[in-house]
Amino acid sequence: MPDWLQKQLKNAFLEKNRQQIRLLNQCWYYYHRRYEPEKTQNKNRA
């Protein structure tokens, strides 16, 4: 998980901002689906 996203999530949880938590959660799943498979494919090739 990127550092910027971790910081944003931490602040959202501390402020109990449910709307921001939901938005950041969606960002995380989008990022994870989009970029994580590429990393695992590159590791398998090495």
PDB file of N, CA and C in Angstrom:
ATOM      1  N   MET A   1       0.856  -1.176   0.000  1.00  0.00           N
ATOM      2  CA  MET A   1       0.000   0.000   0.000  1.00  0.00           C
ATOM      3  C   MET A   1       0.898   1.233   0.000  1.00  0.00           C
ATOM      4  N   PRO A   2       0.613   2.180  -0.869  1.00  0.00           N
ATOM      5  CA  PRO A   2       1.434   3.398  -0.933  1.00  0.00           C
ATOM      6  C   PRO A   2       1.373   4.199   0.373  1.00  0.00           C
ATOM      7  N   ASP A   3       2.462   4.892   0.656  1.00  0.00           N
ATOM      8  CA  ASP A   3       2.543   5.680   1.895  1.00  0.00           C
ATOM      9  C   ASP A   3       1.456   6.744   1.974  1.00  0.00           C
ATOM     10  N   TRP A   4       1.193   7.411   0.852  1.00  0.00           N
ATOM     11  CA  TRP A   4       0.203   8.484   0.871  1.00  0.00           C
ATOM     12  C   TRP A   4      -1.175   7.938   1.242  1.00  0.00           C
ATOM     13  N   LEU A   5      -1.478   6.726   0.773  1.00  0.00           N
ATOM     14  CA  LEU A   5      -2.778   6.130   1.071  1.00  0.00           C
ATOM     15  C   LEU A   5      -2.860   5.708   2.536  1.00  0.00           C
ATOM     16  N   GLN A   6      -1.773   5.189   3.073  1.00  0.00           N
ATOM     17  CA  GLN A   6      -1.741   4.825   4.488  1.00  0.00           C
ATOM     18  C   GLN A   6      -1.979   6.045   5.368  1.00  0.00           C
ATOM     19  N   LYS A   7      -1.333   7.158   5.032  1.00  0.00           N
ATOM     20  CA  LYS A   7      -1.506   8.388   5.824  1.00  0.00           C
ATOM     21  C   LYS A   7      -2.941   8.896   5.747  1.00  0.00           C
ATOM     22  N   GLN A   8      -3.502   8.865   4.541  1.00  0.00           N
ATOM     23  CA  GLN A   8      -4.881   9.331   4.368  1.00  0.00           C
ATOM     24  C   GLN A   8      -5.857   8.461   5.161  1.00  0.00           C
ATOM     25  N   LEU A   9      -5.659   7.139   5.096  1.00  0.00           N
ATOM     26  CA  LEU A   9      -6.535   6.232   5.843  1.00  0.00           C
ATOM     27  C   LEU A   9      -6.407   6.438   7.345  1.00  0.00           C
ATOM     28  N   LYS A  10      -5.186   6.612   7.807  1.00  0.00           N
ATOM     29  CA  LYS A  10      -4.965   6.833   9.241  1.00  0.00           C
ATOM     30  C   LYS A  10      -5.711   8.081   9.704  1.00  0.00           C
ATOM     31  N   ASN A  11      -5.584   9.165   8.948  1.00  0.00           N
ATOM     32  CA  ASN A  11      -6.275  10.408   9.308  1.00  0.00           C
ATOM     33  C   ASN A  11      -7.790  10.243   9.264  1.00  0.00           C
ATOM     34  N   ALA A  12      -8.282   9.536   8.254  1.00  0.00           N
ATOM     35  CA  ALA A  12      -9.724   9.329   8.140  1.00  0.00           C
ATOM     36  C   ALA A  12     -10.251   8.527   9.329  1.00  0.00           C
ATOM     37  N   PHE A  13      -9.508   7.500   9.748  1.00  0.00           N
ATOM     38  CA  PHE A  13      -9.936   6.712  10.901  1.00  0.00           C
ATOM     39  C   PHE A  13      -9.869   7.528  12.183  1.00  0.00           C
ATOM     40  N   LEU A  14      -8.822   8.331  12.338  1.00  0.00           N
ATOM     41  CA  LEU A  14      -8.709   9.153  13.544  1.00  0.00           C
ATOM     42  C   LEU A  14      -9.838  10.178  13.628  1.00  0.00           C
ATOM     43  N   GLU A  15     -10.231  10.722  12.480  1.00  0.00           N
ATOM     44  CA  GLU A  15     -11.313  11.711  12.440  1.00  0.00           C
ATOM     45  C   GLU A  15     -12.690  11.057  12.376  1.00  0.00           C
ATOM     46  N   LYS A  16     -12.714   9.722  12.237  1.00  0.00           N
ATOM     47  CA  LYS A  16     -13.957   8.954  12.104  1.00  0.00           C
ATOM     48  C   LYS A  16     -14.792   9.461  10.928  1.00  0.00           C
ATOM     49  N   ASN A  17     -14.092   9.723   9.836  1.00  0.00           N
ATOM     50  CA  ASN A  17     -14.723  10.230   8.623  1.00  0.00           C
ATOM     51  C   ASN A  17     -15.080   9.043   7.726  1.00  0.00           C
ATOM     52  N   ARG A  18     -16.299   8.551   7.871  1.00  0.00           N
ATOM     53  CA  ARG A  18     -16.719   7.341   7.153  1.00  0.00           C
ATOM     54  C   ARG A  18     -16.725   7.527   5.643  1.00  0.00           C
ATOM     55  N   GLN A  19     -17.120   8.693   5.190  1.00  0.00           N
ATOM     56  CA  GLN A  19     -17.170   8.941   3.751  1.00  0.00           C
ATOM     57  C   GLN A  19     -15.765   8.846   3.138  1.00  0.00           C
ATOM     58  N   GLN A  20     -14.792   9.434   3.798  1.00  0.00           N
ATOM     59  CA  GLN A  20     -13.423   9.385   3.290  1.00  0.00           C
ATOM     60  C   GLN A  20     -12.857   7.967   3.388  1.00  0.00           C
ATOM     61  N   ILE A  21     -13.212   7.243   4.443  1.00  0.00           N
ATOM     62  CA  ILE A  21     -12.751   5.858   4.588  1.00  0.00           C
ATOM     63  C   ILE A  21     -13.263   5.023   3.423  1.00  0.00           C
ATOM     64  N   ARG A  22     -14.535   5.183   3.091  1.00  0.00           N
ATOM     65  CA  ARG A  22     -15.105   4.431   1.966  1.00  0.00           C
ATOM     66  C   ARG A  22     -14.410   4.775   0.655  1.00  0.00           C
ATOM     67  N   LEU A  23     -14.187   6.050   0.426  1.00  0.00           N
ATOM     68  CA  LEU A  23     -13.527   6.485  -0.804  1.00  0.00           C
ATOM     69  C   LEU A  23     -12.112   5.923  -0.897  1.00  0.00           C
ATOM     70  N   LEU A  24     -11.364   6.017   0.191  1.00  0.00           N
ATOM     71  CA  LEU A  24      -9.991   5.517   0.190  1.00  0.00           C
ATOM     72  C   LEU A  24      -9.955   3.998   0.063  1.00  0.00           C
ATOM     73  N   ASN A  25     -10.947   3.332   0.630  1.00  0.00           N
ATOM     74  CA  ASN A  25     -11.040   1.883   0.489  1.00  0.00           C
ATOM     75  C   ASN A  25     -11.236   1.510  -0.979  1.00  0.00           C
ATOM     76  N   GLN A  26     -12.086   2.253  -1.668  1.00  0.00           N
ATOM     77  CA  GLN A  26     -12.281   2.015  -3.097  1.00  0.00           C
ATOM     78  C   GLN A  26     -11.000   2.282  -3.872  1.00  0.00           C
ATOM     79  N   CYS A  27     -10.269   3.313  -3.495  1.00  0.00           N
ATOM     80  CA  CYS A  27      -8.983   3.617  -4.139  1.00  0.00           C
ATOM     81  C   CYS A  27      -8.009   2.467  -3.953  1.00  0.00           C
ATOM     82  N   TRP A  28      -7.974   1.918  -2.748  1.00  0.00           N
ATOM     83  CA  TRP A  28      -7.054   0.817  -2.463  1.00  0.00           C
ATOM     84  C   TRP A  28      -7.376  -0.404  -3.323  1.00  0.00           C
ATOM     85  N   TYR A  29      -8.660  -0.775  -3.407  1.00  0.00           N
ATOM     86  CA  TYR A  29      -9.012  -1.946  -4.199  1.00  0.00           C
ATOM     87  C   TYR A  29      -8.750  -1.703  -5.681  1.00  0.00           C
ATOM     88  N   TYR A  30      -8.977  -0.498  -6.162  1.00  0.00           N
ATOM     89  CA  TYR A  30      -8.656  -0.164  -7.552  1.00  0.00           C
ATOM     90  C   TYR A  30      -7.154  -0.287  -7.782  1.00  0.00           C
ATOM     91  N   TYR A  31      -6.365   0.296  -6.901  1.00  0.00           N
ATOM     92  CA  TYR A  31      -4.903   0.240  -7.007  1.00  0.00           C
ATOM     93  C   TYR A  31      -4.424  -1.207  -6.942  1.00  0.00           C
ATOM     94  N   HIS A  32      -4.960  -1.946  -5.989  1.00  0.00           N
ATOM     95  CA  HIS A  32      -4.527  -3.330  -5.790  1.00  0.00           C
ATOM     96  C   HIS A  32      -4.828  -4.183  -7.024  1.00  0.00           C
ATOM     97  N   ARG A  33      -6.021  -4.040  -7.597  1.00  0.00           N
ATOM     98  CA  ARG A  33      -6.383  -4.793  -8.802  1.00  0.00           C
ATOM     99  C   ARG A  33      -5.521  -4.397  -9.985  1.00  0.00           C
ATOM    100  N   ARG A  34      -5.223  -3.114 -10.074  1.00  0.00           N
ATOM    101  CA  ARG A  34      -4.531  -2.607 -11.254  1.00  0.00           C
ATOM    102  C   ARG A  34      -3.020  -2.853 -11.222  1.00  0.00           C
ATOM    103  N   TYR A  35      -2.389  -2.673 -10.073  1.00  0.00           N
ATOM    104  CA  TYR A  35      -0.927  -2.683 -10.028  1.00  0.00           C
ATOM    105  C   TYR A  35      -0.317  -3.915  -9.376  1.00  0.00           C
ATOM    106  N   GLU A  36      -1.000  -4.563  -8.471  1.00  0.00           N
ATOM    107  CA  GLU A  36      -0.408  -5.710  -7.789  1.00  0.00           C
ATOM    108  C   GLU A  36      -0.200  -6.916  -8.706  1.00  0.00           C
ATOM    109  N   PRO A  37      -1.112  -7.240  -9.624  1.00  0.00           N
ATOM    110  CA  PRO A  37      -0.855  -8.390 -10.501  1.00  0.00           C
ATOM    111  C   PRO A  37       0.425  -8.233 -11.325  1.00  0.00           C
ATOM    112  N   GLU A  38       0.749  -7.008 -11.722  1.00  0.00           N
ATOM    113  CA  GLU A  38       1.974  -6.776 -12.490  1.00  0.00           C
ATOM    114  C   GLU A  38       3.196  -7.117 -11.652  1.00  0.00           C
ATOM    115  N   LYS A  39       3.177  -6.782 -10.372  1.00  0.00           N
ATOM    116  CA  LYS A  39       4.315  -7.062  -9.494  1.00  0.00           C
ATOM    117  C   LYS A  39       4.499  -8.563  -9.316  1.00  0.00           C
ATOM    118  N   THR A  40       3.397  -9.299  -9.152  1.00  0.00           N
ATOM    119  CA  THR A  40       3.526 -10.742  -8.946  1.00  0.00           C
ATOM    120  C   THR A  40       3.979 -11.429 -10.222  1.00  0.00           C
ATOM    121  N   GLN A  41       3.562 -10.944 -11.388  1.00  0.00           N
ATOM    122  CA  GLN A  41       4.019 -11.529 -12.644  1.00  0.00           C
ATOM    123  C   GLN A  41       5.505 -11.301 -12.830  1.00  0.00           C
ATOM    124  N   ASN A  42       5.993 -10.128 -12.486  1.00  0.00           N
ATOM    125  CA  ASN A  42       7.414  -9.830 -12.623  1.00  0.00           C
ATOM    126  C   ASN A  42       8.246 -10.681 -11.675  1.00  0.00           C
ATOM    127  N   LYS A  43       7.754 -10.959 -10.491  1.00  0.00           N
ATOM    128  CA  LYS A  43       8.486 -11.797  -9.537  1.00  0.00           C
ATOM    129  C   LYS A  43       8.578 -13.229 -10.048  1.00  0.00           C
ATOM    130  N   ASN A  44       7.506 -13.716 -10.684  1.00  0.00           N
ATOM    131  CA  ASN A  44       7.496 -15.091 -11.174  1.00  0.00           C
ATOM    132  C   ASN A  44       8.458 -15.280 -12.343  1.00  0.00           C
ATOM    133  N   ARG A  45       8.710 -14.244 -13.096  1.00  0.00           N
ATOM    134  CA  ARG A  45       9.608 -14.333 -14.251  1.00  0.00           C
ATOM    135  C   ARG A  45      11.070 -14.392 -13.845  1.00  0.00           C
ATOM    136  N   ALA A  46      11.402 -13.827 -12.711  1.00  0.00           N
ATOM    137  CA  ALA A  46      12.813 -13.734 -12.282  1.00  0.00           C
ATOM    138  C   ALA A  46      13.405 -15.046 -11.865  1.00  0.00           C
TER     139      ALA A  46
END
